[in-house]
Amino acid sequence: MEHNQVISKKMKFIAVGMIVLLLLTILVPLGLFGLYKYNAHALKRDTFDHLSNEGYSRNEIRNVEVVFKEGALLSTLVEFVDEPHVQYWYDEREGQIVQIGTYDSNGLNEMKLRHLE
C-alpha cells in the first residue's frame, strides 16, 4: 500500500511539473509578444509627438512604421507626403526621439532632402 502512495505522489509531482512547463511555454511567448506590441505602440506614439513638436501635422506624414533593428531594438521609419520615396530613420536615445538619417534613400543627395533635422 505504501508503494502505491509513493507512486501516486510521484505521478502528482510529474503532472504538476508538466502543467507548469506547459503554462510557461504558452505564457512566456504571449508576454514577450505583448511587451513588443506595447513598446512598438509607445515608440510610434512618441515619434508622432516628436514630429508634432517639430511642427508637422498628421496630414504631412504619409507613413510611420516601427521596425526591428539589430539586436532586437526598435526604430521608426517615417515617410512624408511630399517625399514619398524617402524614409527618415528615427531612434529613441536617452528618452528622446532623434532623427539619425535616411534609410535606403537610393543615393539621394541629402542637400535636397526637405525633412532633415
PDB file of N, CA and C in Angstrom:
ATOM      1  N   MET A   1       0.808  -1.186   0.000  1.00  0.00           N
ATOM      2  CA  MET A   1       0.000   0.000   0.000  1.00  0.00           C
ATOM      3  C   MET A   1       0.859   1.261   0.000  1.00  0.00           C
ATOM      4  N   GLU A   2       1.932   1.272   0.791  1.00  0.00           N
ATOM      5  CA  GLU A   2       2.829   2.424   0.808  1.00  0.00           C
ATOM      6  C   GLU A   2       3.477   2.623  -0.546  1.00  0.00           C
ATOM      7  N   HIS A   3       3.774   1.566  -1.236  1.00  0.00           N
ATOM      8  CA  HIS A   3       4.392   1.633  -2.558  1.00  0.00           C
ATOM      9  C   HIS A   3       3.473   2.387  -3.538  1.00  0.00           C
ATOM     10  N   ASN A   4       2.175   2.122  -3.470  1.00  0.00           N
ATOM     11  CA  ASN A   4       1.207   2.799  -4.336  1.00  0.00           C
ATOM     12  C   ASN A   4       1.100   4.280  -4.008  1.00  0.00           C
ATOM     13  N   GLN A   5       1.209   4.615  -2.709  1.00  0.00           N
ATOM     14  CA  GLN A   5       1.154   6.015  -2.304  1.00  0.00           C
ATOM     15  C   GLN A   5       2.384   6.763  -2.806  1.00  0.00           C
ATOM     16  N   VAL A   6       3.541   6.144  -2.777  1.00  0.00           N
ATOM     17  CA  VAL A   6       4.773   6.764  -3.269  1.00  0.00           C
ATOM     18  C   VAL A   6       4.660   7.018  -4.769  1.00  0.00           C
ATOM     19  N   ILE A   7       4.150   6.025  -5.504  1.00  0.00           N
ATOM     20  CA  ILE A   7       3.965   6.178  -6.955  1.00  0.00           C
ATOM     21  C   ILE A   7       2.944   7.274  -7.226  1.00  0.00           C
ATOM     22  N   SER A   8       1.891   7.322  -6.462  1.00  0.00           N
ATOM     23  CA  SER A   8       0.860   8.332  -6.634  1.00  0.00           C
ATOM     24  C   SER A   8       1.434   9.734  -6.397  1.00  0.00           C
ATOM     25  N   LYS A   9       2.256   9.903  -5.366  1.00  0.00           N
ATOM     26  CA  LYS A   9       2.882  11.203  -5.087  1.00  0.00           C
ATOM     27  C   LYS A   9       3.821  11.599  -6.215  1.00  0.00           C
ATOM     28  N   LYS A  10       4.593  10.638  -6.739  1.00  0.00           N
ATOM     29  CA  LYS A  10       5.492  10.921  -7.858  1.00  0.00           C
ATOM     30  C   LYS A  10       4.703  11.344  -9.093  1.00  0.00           C
ATOM     31  N   MET A  11       3.594  10.663  -9.348  1.00  0.00           N
ATOM     32  CA  MET A  11       2.765  10.988 -10.507  1.00  0.00           C
ATOM     33  C   MET A  11       2.164  12.395 -10.370  1.00  0.00           C
ATOM     34  N   LYS A  12       1.728  12.741  -9.154  1.00  0.00           N
ATOM     35  CA  LYS A  12       1.199  14.085  -8.928  1.00  0.00           C
ATOM     36  C   LYS A  12       2.290  15.129  -9.156  1.00  0.00           C
ATOM     37  N   PHE A  13       3.482  14.841  -8.651  1.00  0.00           N
ATOM     38  CA  PHE A  13       4.600  15.766  -8.825  1.00  0.00           C
ATOM     39  C   PHE A  13       4.929  15.946 -10.310  1.00  0.00           C
ATOM     40  N   ILE A  14       4.966  14.857 -11.057  1.00  0.00           N
ATOM     41  CA  ILE A  14       5.246  14.906 -12.501  1.00  0.00           C
ATOM     42  C   ILE A  14       4.136  15.653 -13.233  1.00  0.00           C
ATOM     43  N   ALA A  15       2.899  15.396 -12.861  1.00  0.00           N
ATOM     44  CA  ALA A  15       1.760  16.062 -13.505  1.00  0.00           C
ATOM     45  C   ALA A  15       1.799  17.567 -13.253  1.00  0.00           C
ATOM     46  N   VAL A  16       2.072  17.960 -12.023  1.00  0.00           N
ATOM     47  CA  VAL A  16       2.165  19.393 -11.703  1.00  0.00           C
ATOM     48  C   VAL A  16       3.320  20.028 -12.468  1.00  0.00           C
ATOM     49  N   GLY A  17       4.448  19.346 -12.536  1.00  0.00           N
ATOM     50  CA  GLY A  17       5.598  19.862 -13.285  1.00  0.00           C
ATOM     51  C   GLY A  17       5.282  20.040 -14.759  1.00  0.00           C
ATOM     52  N   MET A  18       4.587  19.080 -15.349  1.00  0.00           N
ATOM     53  CA  MET A  18       4.235  19.181 -16.771  1.00  0.00           C
ATOM     54  C   MET A  18       3.240  20.313 -17.011  1.00  0.00           C
ATOM     55  N   ILE A  19       2.307  20.503 -16.096  1.00  0.00           N
ATOM     56  CA  ILE A  19       1.348  21.604 -16.231  1.00  0.00           C
ATOM     57  C   ILE A  19       2.069  22.949 -16.144  1.00  0.00           C
ATOM     58  N   VAL A  20       3.001  23.068 -15.209  1.00  0.00           N
ATOM     59  CA  VAL A  20       3.774  24.306 -15.083  1.00  0.00           C
ATOM     60  C   VAL A  20       4.584  24.565 -16.348  1.00  0.00           C
ATOM     61  N   LEU A  21       5.239  23.546 -16.873  1.00  0.00           N
ATOM     62  CA  LEU A  21       6.005  23.716 -18.120  1.00  0.00           C
ATOM     63  C   LEU A  21       5.104  24.113 -19.281  1.00  0.00           C
ATOM     64  N   LEU A  22       3.947  23.506 -19.376  1.00  0.00           N
ATOM     65  CA  LEU A  22       3.004  23.839 -20.435  1.00  0.00           C
ATOM     66  C   LEU A  22       2.554  25.292 -20.327  1.00  0.00           C
ATOM     67  N   LEU A  23       2.219  25.714 -19.112  1.00  0.00           N
ATOM     68  CA  LEU A  23       1.813  27.105 -18.909  1.00  0.00           C
ATOM     69  C   LEU A  23       2.940  28.077 -19.258  1.00  0.00           C
ATOM     70  N   LEU A  24       4.159  27.734 -18.872  1.00  0.00           N
ATOM     71  CA  LEU A  24       5.290  28.611 -19.193  1.00  0.00           C
ATOM     72  C   LEU A  24       5.530  28.710 -20.694  1.00  0.00           C
ATOM     73  N   THR A  25       5.405  27.581 -21.406  1.00  0.00           N
ATOM     74  CA  THR A  25       5.639  27.618 -22.850  1.00  0.00           C
ATOM     75  C   THR A  25       4.548  28.403 -23.571  1.00  0.00           C
ATOM     76  N   ILE A  26       3.404  28.574 -22.947  1.00  0.00           N
ATOM     77  CA  ILE A  26       2.337  29.377 -23.544  1.00  0.00           C
ATOM     78  C   ILE A  26       2.433  30.834 -23.087  1.00  0.00           C
ATOM     79  N   LEU A  27       2.607  31.055 -21.809  1.00  0.00           N
ATOM     80  CA  LEU A  27       2.542  32.404 -21.253  1.00  0.00           C
ATOM     81  C   LEU A  27       3.775  33.261 -21.553  1.00  0.00           C
ATOM     82  N   VAL A  28       4.951  32.676 -21.551  1.00  0.00           N
ATOM     83  CA  VAL A  28       6.166  33.467 -21.802  1.00  0.00           C
ATOM     84  C   VAL A  28       6.158  34.067 -23.212  1.00  0.00           C
ATOM     85  N   PRO A  29       5.901  33.298 -24.270  1.00  0.00           N
ATOM     86  CA  PRO A  29       5.842  33.918 -25.598  1.00  0.00           C
ATOM     87  C   PRO A  29       4.729  34.969 -25.720  1.00  0.00           C
ATOM     88  N   LEU A  30       3.572  34.693 -25.112  1.00  0.00           N
ATOM     89  CA  LEU A  30       2.493  35.683 -25.148  1.00  0.00           C
ATOM     90  C   LEU A  30       2.898  36.967 -24.433  1.00  0.00           C
ATOM     91  N   GLY A  31       3.583  36.835 -23.317  1.00  0.00           N
ATOM     92  CA  GLY A  31       4.065  38.008 -22.584  1.00  0.00           C
ATOM     93  C   GLY A  31       5.087  38.795 -23.382  1.00  0.00           C
ATOM     94  N   LEU A  32       6.002  38.099 -24.028  1.00  0.00           N
ATOM     95  CA  LEU A  32       7.011  38.785 -24.849  1.00  0.00           C
ATOM     96  C   LEU A  32       6.369  39.481 -26.041  1.00  0.00           C
ATOM     97  N   PHE A  33       5.396  38.832 -26.676  1.00  0.00           N
ATOM     98  CA  PHE A  33       4.699  39.446 -27.794  1.00  0.00           C
ATOM     99  C   PHE A  33       3.935  40.687 -27.335  1.00  0.00           C
ATOM    100  N   GLY A  34       3.289  40.601 -26.188  1.00  0.00           N
ATOM    101  CA  GLY A  34       2.579  41.756 -25.640  1.00  0.00           C
ATOM    102  C   GLY A  34       3.519  42.900 -25.329  1.00  0.00           C
ATOM    103  N   LEU A  35       4.684  42.590 -24.789  1.00  0.00           N
ATOM    104  CA  LEU A  35       5.686  43.613 -24.494  1.00  0.00           C
ATOM    105  C   LEU A  35       6.168  44.278 -25.775  1.00  0.00           C
ATOM    106  N   TYR A  36       6.408  43.481 -26.823  1.00  0.00           N
ATOM    107  CA  TYR A  36       6.817  44.041 -28.120  1.00  0.00           C
ATOM    108  C   TYR A  36       5.740  44.982 -28.656  1.00  0.00           C
ATOM    109  N   LYS A  37       4.467  44.535 -28.628  1.00  0.00           N
ATOM    110  CA  LYS A  37       3.377  45.366 -29.153  1.00  0.00           C
ATOM    111  C   LYS A  37       3.260  46.666 -28.364  1.00  0.00           C
ATOM    112  N   TYR A  38       3.398  46.593 -27.064  1.00  0.00           N
ATOM    113  CA  TYR A  38       3.334  47.799 -26.235  1.00  0.00           C
ATOM    114  C   TYR A  38       4.472  48.749 -26.578  1.00  0.00           C
ATOM    115  N   ASN A  39       5.696  48.223 -26.655  1.00  0.00           N
ATOM    116  CA  ASN A  39       6.851  49.066 -26.973  1.00  0.00           C
ATOM    117  C   ASN A  39       6.749  49.664 -28.362  1.00  0.00           C
ATOM    118  N   ALA A  40       6.262  48.885 -29.338  1.00  0.00           N
ATOM    119  CA  ALA A  40       6.101  49.396 -30.702  1.00  0.00           C
ATOM    120  C   ALA A  40       5.064  50.512 -30.731  1.00  0.00           C
ATOM    121  N   HIS A  41       3.964  50.320 -30.031  1.00  0.00           N
ATOM    122  CA  HIS A  41       2.929  51.356 -29.985  1.00  0.00           C
ATOM    123  C   HIS A  41       3.453  52.628 -29.306  1.00  0.00           C
ATOM    124  N   ALA A  42       4.167  52.462 -28.202  1.00  0.00           N
ATOM    125  CA  ALA A  42       4.713  53.618 -27.478  1.00  0.00           C
ATOM    126  C   ALA A  42       5.728  54.366 -28.340  1.00  0.00           C
ATOM    127  N   LEU A  43       6.584  53.640 -29.069  1.00  0.00           N
ATOM    128  CA  LEU A  43       7.578  54.287 -29.931  1.00  0.00           C
ATOM    129  C   LEU A  43       6.894  55.053 -31.062  1.00  0.00           C
ATOM    130  N   LYS A  44       5.875  54.469 -31.649  1.00  0.00           N
ATOM    131  CA  LYS A  44       5.142  55.140 -32.728  1.00  0.00           C
ATOM    132  C   LYS A  44       4.471  56.413 -32.202  1.00  0.00           C
ATOM    133  N   ARG A  45       3.852  56.319 -31.036  1.00  0.00           N
ATOM    134  CA  ARG A  45       3.217  57.487 -30.421  1.00  0.00           C
ATOM    135  C   ARG A  45       4.247  58.574 -30.107  1.00  0.00           C
ATOM    136  N   ASP A  46       5.385  58.170 -29.550  1.00  0.00           N
ATOM    137  CA  ASP A  46       6.434  59.134 -29.219  1.00  0.00           C
ATOM    138  C   ASP A  46       7.006  59.784 -30.476  1.00  0.00           C
ATOM    139  N   THR A  47       7.099  59.019 -31.562  1.00  0.00           N
ATOM    140  CA  THR A  47       7.597  59.584 -32.818  1.00  0.00           C
ATOM    141  C   THR A  47       6.610  60.604 -33.365  1.00  0.00           C
ATOM    142  N   PHE A  48       5.320  60.299 -33.323  1.00  0.00           N
ATOM    143  CA  PHE A  48       4.310  61.273 -33.748  1.00  0.00           C
ATOM    144  C   PHE A  48       4.383  62.530 -32.881  1.00  0.00           C
ATOM    145  N   ASP A  49       4.556  62.363 -31.573  1.00  0.00           N
ATOM    146  CA  ASP A  49       4.682  63.513 -30.671  1.00  0.00           C
ATOM    147  C   ASP A  49       5.896  64.353 -31.044  1.00  0.00           C
ATOM    148  N   HIS A  50       7.028  63.712 -31.326  1.00  0.00           N
ATOM    149  CA  HIS A  50       8.244  64.424 -31.720  1.00  0.00           C
ATOM    150  C   HIS A  50       8.010  65.210 -33.004  1.00  0.00           C
ATOM    151  N   LEU A  51       7.404  64.567 -33.991  1.00  0.00           N
ATOM    152  CA  LEU A  51       7.151  65.242 -35.263  1.00  0.00           C
ATOM    153  C   LEU A  51       6.178  66.412 -35.075  1.00  0.00           C
ATOM    154  N   SER A  52       5.200  66.238 -34.209  1.00  0.00           N
ATOM    155  CA  SER A  52       4.269  67.325 -33.902  1.00  0.00           C
ATOM    156  C   SER A  52       5.003  68.499 -33.264  1.00  0.00           C
ATOM    157  N   ASN A  53       5.925  68.194 -32.339  1.00  0.00           N
ATOM    158  CA  ASN A  53       6.724  69.249 -31.708  1.00  0.00           C
ATOM    159  C   ASN A  53       7.645  69.947 -32.704  1.00  0.00           C
ATOM    160  N   GLU A  54       8.021  69.244 -33.783  1.00  0.00           N
ATOM    161  CA  GLU A  54       8.850  69.825 -34.834  1.00  0.00           C
ATOM    162  C   GLU A  54       8.014  70.647 -35.823  1.00  0.00           C
ATOM    163  N   GLY A  55       6.690  70.654 -35.632  1.00  0.00           N
ATOM    164  CA  GLY A  55       5.815  71.470 -36.463  1.00  0.00           C
ATOM    165  C   GLY A  55       5.083  70.736 -37.570  1.00  0.00           C
ATOM    166  N   TYR A  56       5.174  69.413 -37.610  1.00  0.00           N
ATOM    167  CA  TYR A  56       4.486  68.638 -38.649  1.00  0.00           C
ATOM    168  C   TYR A  56       3.074  68.281 -38.187  1.00  0.00           C
ATOM    169  N   SER A  57       2.141  68.310 -39.137  1.00  0.00           N
ATOM    170  CA  SER A  57       0.786  67.830 -38.861  1.00  0.00           C
ATOM    171  C   SER A  57       0.675  66.397 -39.380  1.00  0.00           C
ATOM    172  N   ARG A  58      -0.336  65.699 -38.945  1.00  0.00           N
ATOM    173  CA  ARG A  58      -0.537  64.314 -39.400  1.00  0.00           C
ATOM    174  C   ARG A  58      -0.795  64.248 -40.900  1.00  0.00           C
ATOM    175  N   ASN A  59      -1.321  65.330 -41.477  1.00  0.00           N
ATOM    176  CA  ASN A  59      -1.572  65.361 -42.917  1.00  0.00           C
ATOM    177  C   ASN A  59      -0.281  65.374 -43.732  1.00  0.00           C
ATOM    178  N   GLU A  60       0.813  65.808 -43.134  1.00  0.00           N
ATOM    179  CA  GLU A  60       2.097  65.873 -43.833  1.00  0.00           C
ATOM    180  C   GLU A  60       2.862  64.559 -43.758  1.00  0.00           C
ATOM    181  N   ILE A  61       2.415  63.666 -42.905  1.00  0.00           N
ATOM    182  CA  ILE A  61       3.100  62.391 -42.679  1.00  0.00           C
ATOM    183  C   ILE A  61       2.359  61.294 -43.425  1.00  0.00           C
ATOM    184  N   ARG A  62       3.066  60.642 -44.337  1.00  0.00           N
ATOM    185  CA  ARG A  62       2.439  59.578 -45.132  1.00  0.00           C
ATOM    186  C   ARG A  62       2.387  58.260 -44.358  1.00  0.00           C
ATOM    187  N   ASN A  63       3.493  57.924 -43.678  1.00  0.00           N
ATOM    188  CA  ASN A  63       3.558  56.626 -43.007  1.00  0.00           C
ATOM    189  C   ASN A  63       4.598  56.680 -41.882  1.00  0.00           C
ATOM    190  N   VAL A  64       4.255  56.027 -40.784  1.00  0.00           N
ATOM    191  CA  VAL A  64       5.196  55.812 -39.676  1.00  0.00           C
ATOM    192  C   VAL A  64       5.178  54.325 -39.394  1.00  0.00           C
ATOM    193  N   GLU A  65       6.346  53.702 -39.527  1.00  0.00           N
ATOM    194  CA  GLU A  65       6.441  52.246 -39.368  1.00  0.00           C
ATOM    195  C   GLU A  65       7.519  51.913 -38.345  1.00  0.00           C
ATOM    196  N   VAL A  66       7.158  51.082 -37.384  1.00  0.00           N
ATOM    197  CA  VAL A  66       8.120  50.615 -36.389  1.00  0.00           C
ATOM    198  C   VAL A  66       8.740  49.330 -36.921  1.00  0.00           C
ATOM    199  N   VAL A  67      10.078  49.268 -36.887  1.00  0.00           N
ATOM    200  CA  VAL A  67      10.805  48.117 -37.435  1.00  0.00           C
ATOM    201  C   VAL A  67      11.822  47.619 -36.418  1.00  0.00           C
ATOM    202  N   PHE A  68      12.180  46.332 -36.558  1.00  0.00           N
ATOM    203  CA  PHE A  68      13.275  45.770 -35.770  1.00  0.00           C
ATOM    204  C   PHE A  68      14.586  46.267 -36.324  1.00  0.00           C
ATOM    205  N   LYS A  69      15.483  46.564 -35.441  1.00  0.00           N
ATOM    206  CA  LYS A  69      16.844  46.926 -35.804  1.00  0.00           C
ATOM    207  C   LYS A  69      17.747  45.871 -35.189  1.00  0.00           C
ATOM    208  N   GLU A  70      18.996  45.910 -35.484  1.00  0.00           N
ATOM    209  CA  GLU A  70      19.922  44.907 -34.954  1.00  0.00           C
ATOM    210  C   GLU A  70      19.816  44.809 -33.436  1.00  0.00           C
ATOM    211  N   GLY A  71      19.978  43.616 -32.943  1.00  0.00           N
ATOM    212  CA  GLY A  71      19.939  43.402 -31.505  1.00  0.00           C
ATOM    213  C   GLY A  71      18.546  43.493 -30.910  1.00  0.00           C
ATOM    214  N   ALA A  72      17.521  43.274 -31.715  1.00  0.00           N
ATOM    215  CA  ALA A  72      16.119  43.302 -31.272  1.00  0.00           C
ATOM    216  C   ALA A  72      15.702  44.674 -30.744  1.00  0.00           C
ATOM    217  N   LEU A  73      16.346  45.725 -31.242  1.00  0.00           N
ATOM    218  CA  LEU A  73      15.937  47.076 -30.887  1.00  0.00           C
ATOM    219  C   LEU A  73      14.903  47.558 -31.892  1.00  0.00           C
ATOM    220  N   LEU A  74      14.051  48.465 -31.454  1.00  0.00           N
ATOM    221  CA  LEU A  74      13.033  49.015 -32.329  1.00  0.00           C
ATOM    222  C   LEU A  74      13.426  50.401 -32.798  1.00  0.00           C
ATOM    223  N   SER A  75      13.117  50.714 -34.041  1.00  0.00           N
ATOM    224  CA  SER A  75      13.315  52.034 -34.611  1.00  0.00           C
ATOM    225  C   SER A  75      12.084  52.401 -35.414  1.00  0.00           C
ATOM    226  N   THR A  76      12.040  53.631 -35.867  1.00  0.00           N
ATOM    227  CA  THR A  76      10.894  54.107 -36.629  1.00  0.00           C
ATOM    228  C   THR A  76      11.357  54.645 -37.967  1.00  0.00           C
ATOM    229  N   LEU A  77      10.626  54.283 -39.011  1.00  0.00           N
ATOM    230  CA  LEU A  77      10.835  54.843 -40.341  1.00  0.00           C
ATOM    231  C   LEU A  77       9.650  55.747 -40.648  1.00  0.00           C
ATOM    232  N   VAL A  78       9.945  56.985 -41.037  1.00  0.00           N
ATOM    233  CA  VAL A  78       8.899  57.964 -41.320  1.00  0.00           C
ATOM    234  C   VAL A  78       8.996  58.376 -42.781  1.00  0.00           C
ATOM    235  N   GLU A  79       7.848  58.380 -43.435  1.00  0.00           N
ATOM    236  CA  GLU A  79       7.763  58.806 -44.828  1.00  0.00           C
ATOM    237  C   GLU A  79       6.789  59.993 -44.875  1.00  0.00           C
ATOM    238  N   PHE A  80       7.226  61.080 -45.523  1.00  0.00           N
ATOM    239  CA  PHE A  80       6.409  62.278 -45.623  1.00  0.00           C
ATOM    240  C   PHE A  80       5.668  62.308 -46.954  1.00  0.00           C
ATOM    241  N   VAL A  81       4.540  63.009 -46.985  1.00  0.00           N
ATOM    242  CA  VAL A  81       3.703  63.075 -48.182  1.00  0.00           C
ATOM    243  C   VAL A  81       4.466  63.691 -49.347  1.00  0.00           C
ATOM    244  N   ASP A  82       5.243  64.746 -49.087  1.00  0.00           N
ATOM    245  CA  ASP A  82       5.926  65.443 -50.177  1.00  0.00           C
ATOM    246  C   ASP A  82       7.247  64.784 -50.597  1.00  0.00           C
ATOM    247  N   GLU A  83       7.668  63.733 -49.918  1.00  0.00           N
ATOM    248  CA  GLU A  83       8.844  62.936 -50.294  1.00  0.00           C
ATOM    249  C   GLU A  83       8.494  61.452 -50.126  1.00  0.00           C
ATOM    250  N   PRO A  84       7.654  60.920 -51.023  1.00  0.00           N
ATOM    251  CA  PRO A  84       7.125  59.570 -50.806  1.00  0.00           C
ATOM    252  C   PRO A  84       8.145  58.447 -50.950  1.00  0.00           C
ATOM    253  N   HIS A  85       9.312  58.702 -51.501  1.00  0.00           N
ATOM    254  CA  HIS A  85      10.290  57.631 -51.699  1.00  0.00           C
ATOM    255  C   HIS A  85      11.497  57.750 -50.775  1.00  0.00           C
ATOM    256  N   VAL A  86      11.384  58.606 -49.780  1.00  0.00           N
ATOM    257  CA  VAL A  86      12.469  58.789 -48.813  1.00  0.00           C
ATOM    258  C   VAL A  86      11.931  58.428 -47.438  1.00  0.00           C
ATOM    259  N   GLN A  87      12.661  57.575 -46.751  1.00  0.00           N
ATOM    260  CA  GLN A  87      12.284  57.210 -45.389  1.00  0.00           C
ATOM    261  C   GLN A  87      13.325  57.769 -44.434  1.00  0.00           C
ATOM    262  N   TYR A  88      12.845  58.500 -43.455  1.00  0.00           N
ATOM    263  CA  TYR A  88      13.710  59.074 -42.430  1.00  0.00           C
ATOM    264  C   TYR A  88      13.715  58.144 -41.230  1.00  0.00           C
ATOM    265  N   TRP A  89      14.915  57.898 -40.706  1.00  0.00           N
ATOM    266  CA  TRP A  89      15.130  56.944 -39.629  1.00  0.00           C
ATOM    267  C   TRP A  89      15.143  57.692 -38.306  1.00  0.00           C
ATOM    268  N   TYR A  90      14.288  57.254 -37.367  1.00  0.00           N
ATOM    269  CA  TYR A  90      14.235  57.841 -36.029  1.00  0.00           C
ATOM    270  C   TYR A  90      14.486  56.755 -34.990  1.00  0.00           C
ATOM    271  N   ASP A  91      15.221  57.125 -33.957  1.00  0.00           N
ATOM    272  CA  ASP A  91      15.512  56.233 -32.834  1.00  0.00           C
ATOM    273  C   ASP A  91      15.176  56.948 -31.537  1.00  0.00           C
ATOM    274  N   GLU A  92      15.021  56.158 -30.495  1.00  0.00           N
ATOM    275  CA  GLU A  92      14.885  56.734 -29.160  1.00  0.00           C
ATOM    276  C   GLU A  92      16.238  56.613 -28.471  1.00  0.00           C
ATOM    277  N   ARG A  93      16.757  57.752 -28.061  1.00  0.00           N
ATOM    278  CA  ARG A  93      18.055  57.788 -27.369  1.00  0.00           C
ATOM    279  C   ARG A  93      17.916  58.622 -26.110  1.00  0.00           C
ATOM    280  N   GLU A  94      18.227  58.004 -25.001  1.00  0.00           N
ATOM    281  CA  GLU A  94      18.148  58.656 -23.697  1.00  0.00           C
ATOM    282  C   GLU A  94      16.780  59.287 -23.473  1.00  0.00           C
ATOM    283  N   GLY A  95      15.741  58.573 -23.880  1.00  0.00           N
ATOM    284  CA  GLY A  95      14.376  59.027 -23.662  1.00  0.00           C
ATOM    285  C   GLY A  95      13.870  60.052 -24.661  1.00  0.00           C
ATOM    286  N   GLN A  96      14.677  60.395 -25.651  1.00  0.00           N
ATOM    287  CA  GLN A  96      14.284  61.385 -26.656  1.00  0.00           C
ATOM    288  C   GLN A  96      14.257  60.744 -28.037  1.00  0.00           C
ATOM    289  N   ILE A  97      13.308  61.157 -28.873  1.00  0.00           N
ATOM    290  CA  ILE A  97      13.257  60.700 -30.255  1.00  0.00           C
ATOM    291  C   ILE A  97      14.175  61.609 -31.069  1.00  0.00           C
ATOM    292  N   VAL A  98      15.099  60.991 -31.803  1.00  0.00           N
ATOM    293  CA  VAL A  98      16.037  61.753 -32.632  1.00  0.00           C
ATOM    294  C   VAL A  98      16.088  61.147 -34.032  1.00  0.00           C
ATOM    295  N   GLN A  99      16.266  62.023 -35.003  1.00  0.00           N
ATOM    296  CA  GLN A  99      16.440  61.557 -36.375  1.00  0.00           C
ATOM    297  C   GLN A  99      17.903  61.190 -36.559  1.00  0.00           C
ATOM    298  N   ILE A 100      18.136  60.005 -37.127  1.00  0.00           N
ATOM    299  CA  ILE A 100      19.528  59.584 -37.301  1.00  0.00           C
ATOM    300  C   ILE A 100      19.915  59.483 -38.766  1.00  0.00           C
ATOM    301  N   GLY A 101      19.039  59.944 -39.661  1.00  0.00           N
ATOM    302  CA  GLY A 101      19.374  59.947 -41.077  1.00  0.00           C
ATOM    303  C   GLY A 101      18.252  59.390 -41.922  1.00  0.00           C
ATOM    304  N   THR A 102      18.625  58.975 -43.123  1.00  0.00           N
ATOM    305  CA  THR A 102      17.647  58.397 -44.041  1.00  0.00           C
ATOM    306  C   THR A 102      17.931  56.915 -44.199  1.00  0.00           C
ATOM    307  N   TYR A 103      16.906  56.185 -44.594  1.00  0.00           N
ATOM    308  CA  TYR A 103      17.017  54.749 -44.762  1.00  0.00           C
ATOM    309  C   TYR A 103      16.825  54.415 -46.224  1.00  0.00           C
ATOM    310  N   ASP A 104      17.815  53.789 -46.831  1.00  0.00           N
ATOM    311  CA  ASP A 104      17.696  53.295 -48.197  1.00  0.00           C
ATOM    312  C   ASP A 104      17.139  54.357 -49.141  1.00  0.00           C
ATOM    313  N   SER A 105      17.792  55.517 -49.153  1.00  0.00           N
ATOM    314  CA  SER A 105      17.291  56.620 -49.975  1.00  0.00           C
ATOM    315  C   SER A 105      17.841  56.567 -51.395  1.00  0.00           C
ATOM    316  N   ASN A 106      18.401  55.443 -51.792  1.00  0.00           N
ATOM    317  CA  ASN A 106      18.865  55.211 -53.160  1.00  0.00           C
ATOM    318  C   ASN A 106      19.823  56.291 -53.661  1.00  0.00           C
ATOM    319  N   GLY A 107      20.741  56.693 -52.809  1.00  0.00           N
ATOM    320  CA  GLY A 107      21.775  57.642 -53.211  1.00  0.00           C
ATOM    321  C   GLY A 107      21.281  59.060 -53.412  1.00  0.00           C
ATOM    322  N   LEU A 108      20.148  59.422 -52.821  1.00  0.00           N
ATOM    323  CA  LEU A 108      19.645  60.787 -52.961  1.00  0.00           C
ATOM    324  C   LEU A 108      20.612  61.757 -52.309  1.00  0.00           C
ATOM    325  N   ASN A 109      20.736  62.899 -52.912  1.00  0.00           N
ATOM    326  CA  ASN A 109      21.591  63.941 -52.355  1.00  0.00           C
ATOM    327  C   ASN A 109      20.919  64.501 -51.103  1.00  0.00           C
ATOM    328  N   GLU A 110      21.565  64.363 -49.955  1.00  0.00           N
ATOM    329  CA  GLU A 110      20.957  64.800 -48.697  1.00  0.00           C
ATOM    330  C   GLU A 110      20.744  66.305 -48.651  1.00  0.00           C
ATOM    331  N   MET A 111      21.422  67.059 -49.507  1.00  0.00           N
ATOM    332  CA  MET A 111      21.202  68.504 -49.542  1.00  0.00           C
ATOM    333  C   MET A 111      19.797  68.826 -50.058  1.00  0.00           C
ATOM    334  N   LYS A 112      19.210  67.955 -50.852  1.00  0.00           N
ATOM    335  CA  LYS A 112      17.903  68.195 -51.447  1.00  0.00           C
ATOM    336  C   LYS A 112      16.755  67.675 -50.583  1.00  0.00           C
ATOM    337  N   LEU A 113      17.059  66.944 -49.554  1.00  0.00           N
ATOM    338  CA  LEU A 113      16.014  66.383 -48.703  1.00  0.00           C
ATOM    339  C   LEU A 113      15.394  67.482 -47.835  1.00  0.00           C
ATOM    340  N   ARG A 114      14.095  67.456 -47.706  1.00  0.00           N
ATOM    341  CA  ARG A 114      13.360  68.539 -47.058  1.00  0.00           C
ATOM    342  C   ARG A 114      13.213  68.391 -45.546  1.00  0.00           C
ATOM    343  N   HIS A 115      13.337  67.186 -45.057  1.00  0.00           N
ATOM    344  CA  HIS A 115      12.958  66.951 -43.668  1.00  0.00           C
ATOM    345  C   HIS A 115      14.119  66.512 -42.783  1.00  0.00           C
ATOM    346  N   LEU A 116      15.334  66.824 -43.179  1.00  0.00           N
ATOM    347  CA  LEU A 116      16.482  66.510 -42.322  1.00  0.00           C
ATOM    348  C   LEU A 116      16.480  67.443 -41.119  1.00  0.00           C
ATOM    349  N   GLU A 117      16.751  66.888 -39.963  1.00  0.00           N
ATOM    350  CA  GLU A 117      16.812  67.709 -38.746  1.00  0.00           C
ATOM    351  C   GLU A 117      18.235  68.048 -38.416  1.00  0.00           C
TER     352      GLU A 117
END
